[in-house]
Amino acid sequence: MINIVYVSKANVVFSKEGLKGLVATSARRNKQMGITGYLCFHNNRFFQYLEGEEDVVLAVMDKIRADSRHRILYECEEEEIDRRIFNNWSMKKLNEKELSKVGLETFIDQSMYFVNKNYYDKLRCDLYLRQQVRKTSLIPAIKVTRNIPAH
């Protein structure tokens, strides 16, 4: 299994309903494909973490990269994993309160400043993004107990 983390910028305006639809569709598709992870949306940027079997995750990432509704700003190298971090989340969307608990919104803004200025160390940036994922997984209030229902 592998995981992938990326940050992208929306090319279109996403309403709350539009985001709910995107998450619900992703949750259904990911559940069928055996992919787990979560999605954040803040300041017109997406932060997404995906985990699952390598061939499946890479195929989904190819579709994500080709989606004209956003542009990938930064993508971590794939990382091999022994077990899933987010077993029960086919695609969890973190809300503003949950983002604040881990400081993810500030982290994304700061990270993208350095990436946009080409003033970053890829290894360090990958490490920080993955630390943020692990930090998110440890918060009891959002720990793998809730999920967007698949329709």
N, C-alpha and C. Protein backbone atom coordinates (compact mmCIF):
# COMPACT_ATOMS: atom_id res chain seq x y z
N MET A 1 0.84 -1.19 0.00
CA MET A 1 0.00 0.00 0.00
C MET A 1 0.88 1.25 0.00
N ILE A 2 0.25 2.34 -0.48
CA ILE A 2 0.94 3.63 -0.50
C ILE A 2 -0.01 4.72 -0.02
N ASN A 3 0.59 5.88 0.25
CA ASN A 3 -0.22 7.08 0.46
C ASN A 3 0.34 8.21 -0.38
N ILE A 4 -0.51 9.17 -0.66
CA ILE A 4 -0.13 10.36 -1.41
C ILE A 4 -0.78 11.55 -0.72
N VAL A 5 -0.06 12.64 -0.64
CA VAL A 5 -0.56 13.90 -0.10
C VAL A 5 -0.31 14.96 -1.15
N TYR A 6 -1.32 15.82 -1.37
CA TYR A 6 -1.12 16.92 -2.30
C TYR A 6 -1.91 18.14 -1.86
N VAL A 7 -1.50 19.29 -2.40
CA VAL A 7 -2.20 20.55 -2.21
C VAL A 7 -2.47 21.10 -3.60
N SER A 8 -3.70 21.56 -3.82
CA SER A 8 -4.04 22.14 -5.12
C SER A 8 -4.86 23.41 -4.92
N LYS A 9 -4.95 24.19 -5.98
CA LYS A 9 -5.71 25.43 -5.95
C LYS A 9 -6.89 25.29 -6.89
N ALA A 10 -8.08 25.67 -6.40
CA ALA A 10 -9.30 25.58 -7.21
C ALA A 10 -9.23 26.57 -8.37
N ASN A 11 -9.65 26.12 -9.54
CA ASN A 11 -9.75 26.97 -10.72
C ASN A 11 -11.18 27.47 -10.92
N VAL A 12 -12.11 26.93 -10.14
CA VAL A 12 -13.51 27.32 -10.21
C VAL A 12 -13.97 27.63 -8.79
N VAL A 13 -15.10 28.31 -8.69
CA VAL A 13 -15.67 28.61 -7.38
C VAL A 13 -16.47 27.39 -6.91
N PHE A 14 -16.18 26.94 -5.70
CA PHE A 14 -16.89 25.81 -5.11
C PHE A 14 -17.84 26.32 -4.04
N SER A 15 -19.13 26.11 -4.26
CA SER A 15 -20.12 26.43 -3.23
C SER A 15 -20.08 25.32 -2.18
N LYS A 16 -20.77 25.55 -1.05
CA LYS A 16 -20.84 24.50 -0.03
C LYS A 16 -21.51 23.25 -0.61
N GLU A 17 -22.56 23.45 -1.39
CA GLU A 17 -23.25 22.30 -2.00
C GLU A 17 -22.36 21.61 -3.03
N GLY A 18 -21.62 22.38 -3.78
CA GLY A 18 -20.70 21.81 -4.76
C GLY A 18 -19.62 20.96 -4.10
N LEU A 19 -19.10 21.47 -2.97
CA LEU A 19 -18.10 20.71 -2.21
C LEU A 19 -18.69 19.43 -1.63
N LYS A 20 -19.92 19.53 -1.10
CA LYS A 20 -20.58 18.33 -0.56
C LYS A 20 -20.75 17.28 -1.65
N GLY A 21 -21.14 17.72 -2.84
CA GLY A 21 -21.30 16.79 -3.96
C GLY A 21 -19.99 16.14 -4.35
N LEU A 22 -18.92 16.94 -4.40
CA LEU A 22 -17.60 16.42 -4.74
C LEU A 22 -17.16 15.37 -3.72
N VAL A 23 -17.35 15.66 -2.45
CA VAL A 23 -16.95 14.74 -1.39
C VAL A 23 -17.79 13.47 -1.43
N ALA A 24 -19.10 13.61 -1.63
CA ALA A 24 -19.97 12.43 -1.67
C ALA A 24 -19.61 11.52 -2.85
N THR A 25 -19.36 12.12 -4.01
CA THR A 25 -18.97 11.32 -5.18
C THR A 25 -17.64 10.63 -4.93
N SER A 26 -16.69 11.37 -4.38
CA SER A 26 -15.38 10.78 -4.08
C SER A 26 -15.49 9.66 -3.06
N ALA A 27 -16.33 9.86 -2.04
CA ALA A 27 -16.50 8.84 -1.00
C ALA A 27 -17.04 7.54 -1.60
N ARG A 28 -18.05 7.66 -2.47
CA ARG A 28 -18.62 6.46 -3.11
C ARG A 28 -17.57 5.74 -3.95
N ARG A 29 -16.88 6.50 -4.78
CA ARG A 29 -15.88 5.91 -5.67
C ARG A 29 -14.73 5.30 -4.87
N ASN A 30 -14.25 6.03 -3.87
CA ASN A 30 -13.14 5.53 -3.06
C ASN A 30 -13.51 4.27 -2.30
N LYS A 31 -14.73 4.23 -1.78
CA LYS A 31 -15.17 3.03 -1.06
C LYS A 31 -15.16 1.82 -1.98
N GLN A 32 -15.65 1.99 -3.19
CA GLN A 32 -15.65 0.90 -4.17
C GLN A 32 -14.24 0.44 -4.52
N MET A 33 -13.31 1.39 -4.51
CA MET A 33 -11.93 1.09 -4.92
C MET A 33 -11.01 0.74 -3.76
N GLY A 34 -11.51 0.85 -2.53
CA GLY A 34 -10.68 0.53 -1.37
C GLY A 34 -9.69 1.61 -0.99
N ILE A 35 -10.03 2.86 -1.30
CA ILE A 35 -9.17 4.00 -0.95
C ILE A 35 -9.76 4.70 0.26
N THR A 36 -8.90 5.09 1.19
CA THR A 36 -9.32 5.89 2.34
C THR A 36 -8.51 7.18 2.37
N GLY A 37 -9.01 8.16 3.14
CA GLY A 37 -8.29 9.42 3.25
C GLY A 37 -9.20 10.55 3.64
N TYR A 38 -8.71 11.76 3.46
CA TYR A 38 -9.52 12.93 3.78
C TYR A 38 -9.19 14.09 2.86
N LEU A 39 -10.08 15.08 2.88
CA LEU A 39 -9.97 16.25 2.04
C LEU A 39 -10.25 17.48 2.89
N CYS A 40 -9.44 18.51 2.71
CA CYS A 40 -9.67 19.81 3.35
C CYS A 40 -9.81 20.84 2.25
N PHE A 41 -10.62 21.85 2.48
CA PHE A 41 -10.74 22.96 1.54
C PHE A 41 -10.68 24.23 2.36
N HIS A 42 -9.69 25.08 2.07
CA HIS A 42 -9.49 26.32 2.81
C HIS A 42 -8.80 27.32 1.89
N ASN A 43 -9.30 28.57 1.90
CA ASN A 43 -8.71 29.63 1.07
C ASN A 43 -8.53 29.21 -0.38
N ASN A 44 -9.55 28.56 -0.90
CA ASN A 44 -9.54 28.14 -2.31
C ASN A 44 -8.48 27.08 -2.62
N ARG A 45 -8.01 26.40 -1.58
CA ARG A 45 -7.02 25.33 -1.76
C ARG A 45 -7.55 24.02 -1.20
N PHE A 46 -7.18 22.95 -1.87
CA PHE A 46 -7.48 21.61 -1.38
C PHE A 46 -6.23 21.01 -0.78
N PHE A 47 -6.39 20.28 0.30
CA PHE A 47 -5.33 19.46 0.88
C PHE A 47 -5.94 18.07 0.96
N GLN A 48 -5.32 17.10 0.29
CA GLN A 48 -5.90 15.77 0.28
C GLN A 48 -4.86 14.72 0.60
N TYR A 49 -5.32 13.73 1.36
CA TYR A 49 -4.51 12.57 1.73
C TYR A 49 -5.26 11.34 1.24
N LEU A 50 -4.59 10.47 0.49
CA LEU A 50 -5.16 9.23 -0.02
C LEU A 50 -4.26 8.07 0.36
N GLU A 51 -4.88 6.93 0.68
CA GLU A 51 -4.11 5.72 0.99
C GLU A 51 -4.86 4.51 0.43
N GLY A 52 -4.08 3.52 0.00
CA GLY A 52 -4.66 2.29 -0.55
C GLY A 52 -3.64 1.52 -1.36
N GLU A 53 -4.14 0.56 -2.12
CA GLU A 53 -3.25 -0.24 -2.96
C GLU A 53 -2.61 0.66 -4.03
N GLU A 54 -1.34 0.43 -4.29
CA GLU A 54 -0.56 1.32 -5.15
C GLU A 54 -1.20 1.58 -6.51
N ASP A 55 -1.56 0.55 -7.24
CA ASP A 55 -2.10 0.74 -8.59
C ASP A 55 -3.40 1.55 -8.57
N VAL A 56 -4.22 1.34 -7.56
CA VAL A 56 -5.50 2.04 -7.45
C VAL A 56 -5.26 3.52 -7.10
N VAL A 57 -4.42 3.78 -6.12
CA VAL A 57 -4.14 5.16 -5.71
C VAL A 57 -3.49 5.94 -6.86
N LEU A 58 -2.57 5.32 -7.57
CA LEU A 58 -1.92 6.01 -8.69
C LEU A 58 -2.91 6.30 -9.81
N ALA A 59 -3.85 5.39 -10.06
CA ALA A 59 -4.87 5.63 -11.09
C ALA A 59 -5.78 6.79 -10.69
N VAL A 60 -6.16 6.84 -9.42
CA VAL A 60 -6.99 7.95 -8.94
C VAL A 60 -6.22 9.26 -9.03
N MET A 61 -4.95 9.25 -8.68
CA MET A 61 -4.14 10.47 -8.77
C MET A 61 -4.04 10.96 -10.21
N ASP A 62 -3.95 10.04 -11.17
CA ASP A 62 -3.93 10.45 -12.57
C ASP A 62 -5.21 11.22 -12.93
N LYS A 63 -6.35 10.75 -12.43
CA LYS A 63 -7.62 11.44 -12.68
C LYS A 63 -7.66 12.78 -11.97
N ILE A 64 -7.16 12.82 -10.75
CA ILE A 64 -7.13 14.07 -9.99
C ILE A 64 -6.26 15.10 -10.69
N ARG A 65 -5.09 14.68 -11.18
CA ARG A 65 -4.20 15.61 -11.88
C ARG A 65 -4.84 16.16 -13.14
N ALA A 66 -5.68 15.37 -13.79
CA ALA A 66 -6.31 15.79 -15.06
C ALA A 66 -7.57 16.62 -14.85
N ASP A 67 -8.05 16.74 -13.63
CA ASP A 67 -9.29 17.46 -13.34
C ASP A 67 -9.06 18.97 -13.49
N SER A 68 -9.78 19.58 -14.42
CA SER A 68 -9.56 21.00 -14.73
C SER A 68 -10.13 21.94 -13.67
N ARG A 69 -10.84 21.42 -12.68
CA ARG A 69 -11.41 22.29 -11.64
C ARG A 69 -10.37 22.77 -10.64
N HIS A 70 -9.15 22.22 -10.73
CA HIS A 70 -8.10 22.64 -9.81
C HIS A 70 -6.74 22.42 -10.47
N ARG A 71 -5.71 22.99 -9.83
CA ARG A 71 -4.34 22.83 -10.31
C ARG A 71 -3.48 22.39 -9.13
N ILE A 72 -2.75 21.29 -9.32
CA ILE A 72 -1.87 20.79 -8.26
C ILE A 72 -0.74 21.80 -8.04
N LEU A 73 -0.59 22.23 -6.79
CA LEU A 73 0.49 23.14 -6.43
C LEU A 73 1.69 22.38 -5.88
N TYR A 74 1.40 21.32 -5.13
CA TYR A 74 2.47 20.55 -4.52
C TYR A 74 1.98 19.13 -4.29
N GLU A 75 2.83 18.17 -4.61
CA GLU A 75 2.51 16.76 -4.41
C GLU A 75 3.70 16.06 -3.77
N CYS A 76 3.43 15.40 -2.64
CA CYS A 76 4.48 14.61 -2.00
C CYS A 76 4.77 13.36 -2.83
N GLU A 77 5.96 12.85 -2.70
CA GLU A 77 6.29 11.56 -3.30
C GLU A 77 5.41 10.49 -2.65
N GLU A 78 5.07 9.46 -3.43
CA GLU A 78 4.32 8.35 -2.83
C GLU A 78 5.16 7.75 -1.71
N GLU A 79 4.47 7.29 -0.67
CA GLU A 79 5.14 6.68 0.46
C GLU A 79 4.52 5.30 0.70
N GLU A 80 5.37 4.29 0.81
CA GLU A 80 4.87 2.95 1.12
C GLU A 80 4.44 2.91 2.58
N ILE A 81 3.31 2.25 2.84
CA ILE A 81 2.80 2.14 4.20
C ILE A 81 2.43 0.68 4.49
N ASP A 82 2.52 0.31 5.75
CA ASP A 82 2.14 -1.04 6.18
C ASP A 82 0.67 -1.14 6.53
N ARG A 83 0.12 -0.02 7.00
CA ARG A 83 -1.29 -0.04 7.41
C ARG A 83 -1.89 1.34 7.16
N ARG A 84 -3.19 1.36 7.12
CA ARG A 84 -3.92 2.61 6.90
C ARG A 84 -3.96 3.44 8.17
N ILE A 85 -3.99 4.75 8.00
CA ILE A 85 -4.18 5.66 9.12
C ILE A 85 -5.66 5.95 9.31
N PHE A 86 -6.40 6.03 8.20
CA PHE A 86 -7.81 6.42 8.22
C PHE A 86 -8.69 5.29 7.69
N ASN A 87 -8.70 4.17 8.39
CA ASN A 87 -9.44 2.98 7.99
C ASN A 87 -10.87 3.22 7.54
N ASN A 88 -11.59 4.04 8.27
CA ASN A 88 -13.03 4.17 8.04
C ASN A 88 -13.43 5.40 7.23
N TRP A 89 -12.48 6.14 6.72
CA TRP A 89 -12.82 7.33 5.96
C TRP A 89 -12.61 7.09 4.47
N SER A 90 -13.69 6.81 3.73
CA SER A 90 -13.53 6.67 2.29
C SER A 90 -13.23 8.04 1.67
N MET A 91 -13.73 9.10 2.28
CA MET A 91 -13.33 10.46 1.95
C MET A 91 -13.98 11.39 2.95
N LYS A 92 -13.27 11.69 4.00
CA LYS A 92 -13.74 12.58 5.04
C LYS A 92 -13.39 14.00 4.64
N LYS A 93 -14.37 14.90 4.72
CA LYS A 93 -14.08 16.32 4.53
C LYS A 93 -13.99 16.95 5.91
N LEU A 94 -12.84 17.53 6.21
CA LEU A 94 -12.66 18.19 7.49
C LEU A 94 -13.29 19.58 7.42
N ASN A 95 -14.04 19.94 8.46
CA ASN A 95 -14.67 21.27 8.49
C ASN A 95 -13.72 22.27 9.14
N GLU A 96 -14.15 23.54 9.17
CA GLU A 96 -13.30 24.61 9.70
C GLU A 96 -12.87 24.36 11.15
N LYS A 97 -13.79 23.87 11.98
CA LYS A 97 -13.46 23.61 13.38
C LYS A 97 -12.38 22.53 13.48
N GLU A 98 -12.52 21.49 12.67
CA GLU A 98 -11.53 20.41 12.69
C GLU A 98 -10.19 20.89 12.13
N LEU A 99 -10.24 21.73 11.09
CA LEU A 99 -9.00 22.29 10.54
C LEU A 99 -8.26 23.10 11.60
N SER A 100 -9.02 23.87 12.37
CA SER A 100 -8.42 24.71 13.41
C SER A 100 -7.76 23.88 14.50
N LYS A 101 -8.33 22.72 14.82
CA LYS A 101 -7.76 21.87 15.87
C LYS A 101 -6.34 21.44 15.55
N VAL A 102 -6.03 21.28 14.29
CA VAL A 102 -4.68 20.84 13.92
C VAL A 102 -3.88 21.96 13.27
N GLY A 103 -4.48 23.14 13.15
CA GLY A 103 -3.77 24.26 12.54
C GLY A 103 -3.49 24.03 11.07
N LEU A 104 -4.31 23.19 10.42
CA LEU A 104 -4.03 22.84 9.02
C LEU A 104 -4.19 24.01 8.08
N GLU A 105 -5.16 24.90 8.34
CA GLU A 105 -5.36 26.02 7.44
C GLU A 105 -4.13 26.93 7.42
N THR A 106 -3.56 27.20 8.57
CA THR A 106 -2.36 28.03 8.65
C THR A 106 -1.17 27.31 8.01
N PHE A 107 -1.08 26.02 8.27
CA PHE A 107 0.01 25.23 7.72
C PHE A 107 -0.02 25.24 6.20
N ILE A 108 -1.19 25.06 5.61
CA ILE A 108 -1.31 25.06 4.15
C ILE A 108 -0.91 26.42 3.60
N ASP A 109 -1.42 27.49 4.21
CA ASP A 109 -1.08 28.84 3.75
C ASP A 109 0.43 29.08 3.80
N GLN A 110 1.06 28.72 4.89
CA GLN A 110 2.50 28.93 5.04
C GLN A 110 3.29 28.06 4.05
N SER A 111 2.89 26.81 3.93
CA SER A 111 3.60 25.91 3.01
C SER A 111 3.54 26.41 1.59
N MET A 112 2.36 26.87 1.18
CA MET A 112 2.19 27.32 -0.20
C MET A 112 2.95 28.62 -0.47
N TYR A 113 3.13 29.43 0.54
CA TYR A 113 3.94 30.64 0.37
C TYR A 113 5.35 30.25 -0.06
N PHE A 114 5.94 29.30 0.65
CA PHE A 114 7.30 28.88 0.33
C PHE A 114 7.39 28.15 -0.99
N VAL A 115 6.39 27.32 -1.30
CA VAL A 115 6.39 26.60 -2.58
C VAL A 115 6.26 27.60 -3.72
N ASN A 116 5.37 28.56 -3.59
CA ASN A 116 5.16 29.55 -4.65
C ASN A 116 6.39 30.42 -4.87
N LYS A 117 7.18 30.62 -3.83
CA LYS A 117 8.40 31.43 -3.95
C LYS A 117 9.59 30.57 -4.37
N ASN A 118 9.35 29.28 -4.61
CA ASN A 118 10.42 28.33 -4.94
C ASN A 118 11.50 28.34 -3.87
N TYR A 119 11.08 28.57 -2.66
CA TYR A 119 12.01 28.62 -1.54
C TYR A 119 11.63 27.50 -0.57
N TYR A 120 11.90 26.30 -0.97
CA TYR A 120 11.56 25.18 -0.12
C TYR A 120 12.48 24.01 -0.39
N ASP A 121 12.54 23.16 0.57
CA ASP A 121 13.28 21.92 0.50
C ASP A 121 12.22 20.83 0.36
N LYS A 122 12.18 20.13 -0.77
CA LYS A 122 11.13 19.15 -1.03
C LYS A 122 11.05 18.10 0.06
N LEU A 123 12.17 17.60 0.50
CA LEU A 123 12.17 16.58 1.54
C LEU A 123 11.53 17.11 2.83
N ARG A 124 11.90 18.33 3.20
CA ARG A 124 11.34 18.93 4.40
C ARG A 124 9.84 19.20 4.24
N CYS A 125 9.44 19.69 3.08
CA CYS A 125 8.03 19.97 2.84
C CYS A 125 7.22 18.67 2.89
N ASP A 126 7.72 17.60 2.27
CA ASP A 126 7.05 16.29 2.34
C ASP A 126 6.91 15.85 3.79
N LEU A 127 7.98 15.98 4.54
CA LEU A 127 7.97 15.57 5.94
C LEU A 127 6.92 16.35 6.74
N TYR A 128 6.87 17.67 6.55
CA TYR A 128 5.90 18.49 7.27
C TYR A 128 4.47 18.14 6.88
N LEU A 129 4.22 17.93 5.60
CA LEU A 129 2.87 17.58 5.17
C LEU A 129 2.44 16.24 5.76
N ARG A 130 3.34 15.27 5.78
CA ARG A 130 3.01 13.97 6.35
C ARG A 130 2.83 14.05 7.87
N GLN A 131 3.60 14.90 8.52
CA GLN A 131 3.42 15.10 9.96
C GLN A 131 2.03 15.68 10.24
N GLN A 132 1.59 16.56 9.36
CA GLN A 132 0.27 17.16 9.51
C GLN A 132 -0.82 16.09 9.39
N VAL A 133 -0.64 15.16 8.48
CA VAL A 133 -1.59 14.05 8.32
C VAL A 133 -1.64 13.23 9.60
N ARG A 134 -0.48 12.88 10.13
CA ARG A 134 -0.44 12.08 11.36
C ARG A 134 -1.06 12.84 12.54
N LYS A 135 -0.78 14.13 12.61
CA LYS A 135 -1.35 14.96 13.67
C LYS A 135 -2.88 14.95 13.57
N THR A 136 -3.41 15.04 12.37
CA THR A 136 -4.85 15.01 12.16
C THR A 136 -5.44 13.69 12.65
N SER A 137 -4.74 12.61 12.44
CA SER A 137 -5.27 11.28 12.80
C SER A 137 -5.34 11.08 14.31
N LEU A 138 -4.65 11.88 15.08
CA LEU A 138 -4.60 11.70 16.53
C LEU A 138 -5.63 12.50 17.31
N ILE A 139 -6.38 13.34 16.65
CA ILE A 139 -7.35 14.17 17.35
C ILE A 139 -8.58 13.33 17.67
N PRO A 140 -8.88 13.12 18.95
CA PRO A 140 -10.00 12.26 19.33
C PRO A 140 -11.35 12.69 18.76
N ALA A 141 -11.59 13.98 18.67
CA ALA A 141 -12.89 14.45 18.23
C ALA A 141 -13.20 14.09 16.78
N ILE A 142 -12.17 13.86 15.97
CA ILE A 142 -12.43 13.54 14.57
C ILE A 142 -11.85 12.19 14.17
N LYS A 143 -11.37 11.46 15.12
CA LYS A 143 -10.69 10.21 14.82
C LYS A 143 -11.63 9.16 14.23
N VAL A 144 -11.41 8.82 13.01
CA VAL A 144 -12.07 7.75 12.24
C VAL A 144 -13.37 7.19 12.79
N THR A 145 -14.24 8.04 13.28
CA THR A 145 -15.54 7.56 13.75
C THR A 145 -16.68 8.13 12.93
N ARG A 146 -16.42 9.15 12.15
CA ARG A 146 -17.45 9.75 11.32
C ARG A 146 -17.02 9.69 9.88
N ASN A 147 -17.98 9.62 9.01
CA ASN A 147 -17.69 9.56 7.58
C ASN A 147 -18.87 10.12 6.81
N ILE A 148 -18.62 10.56 5.60
CA ILE A 148 -19.67 10.99 4.72
C ILE A 148 -20.37 9.72 4.22
N PRO A 149 -21.68 9.60 4.37
CA PRO A 149 -22.34 8.36 3.92
C PRO A 149 -22.31 8.24 2.40
N ALA A 150 -22.10 7.04 1.93
CA ALA A 150 -22.13 6.77 0.49
C ALA A 150 -23.59 6.64 0.06
N HIS A 151 -23.99 7.36 -0.98
CA HIS A 151 -25.39 7.31 -1.47
C HIS A 151 -25.55 6.22 -2.49
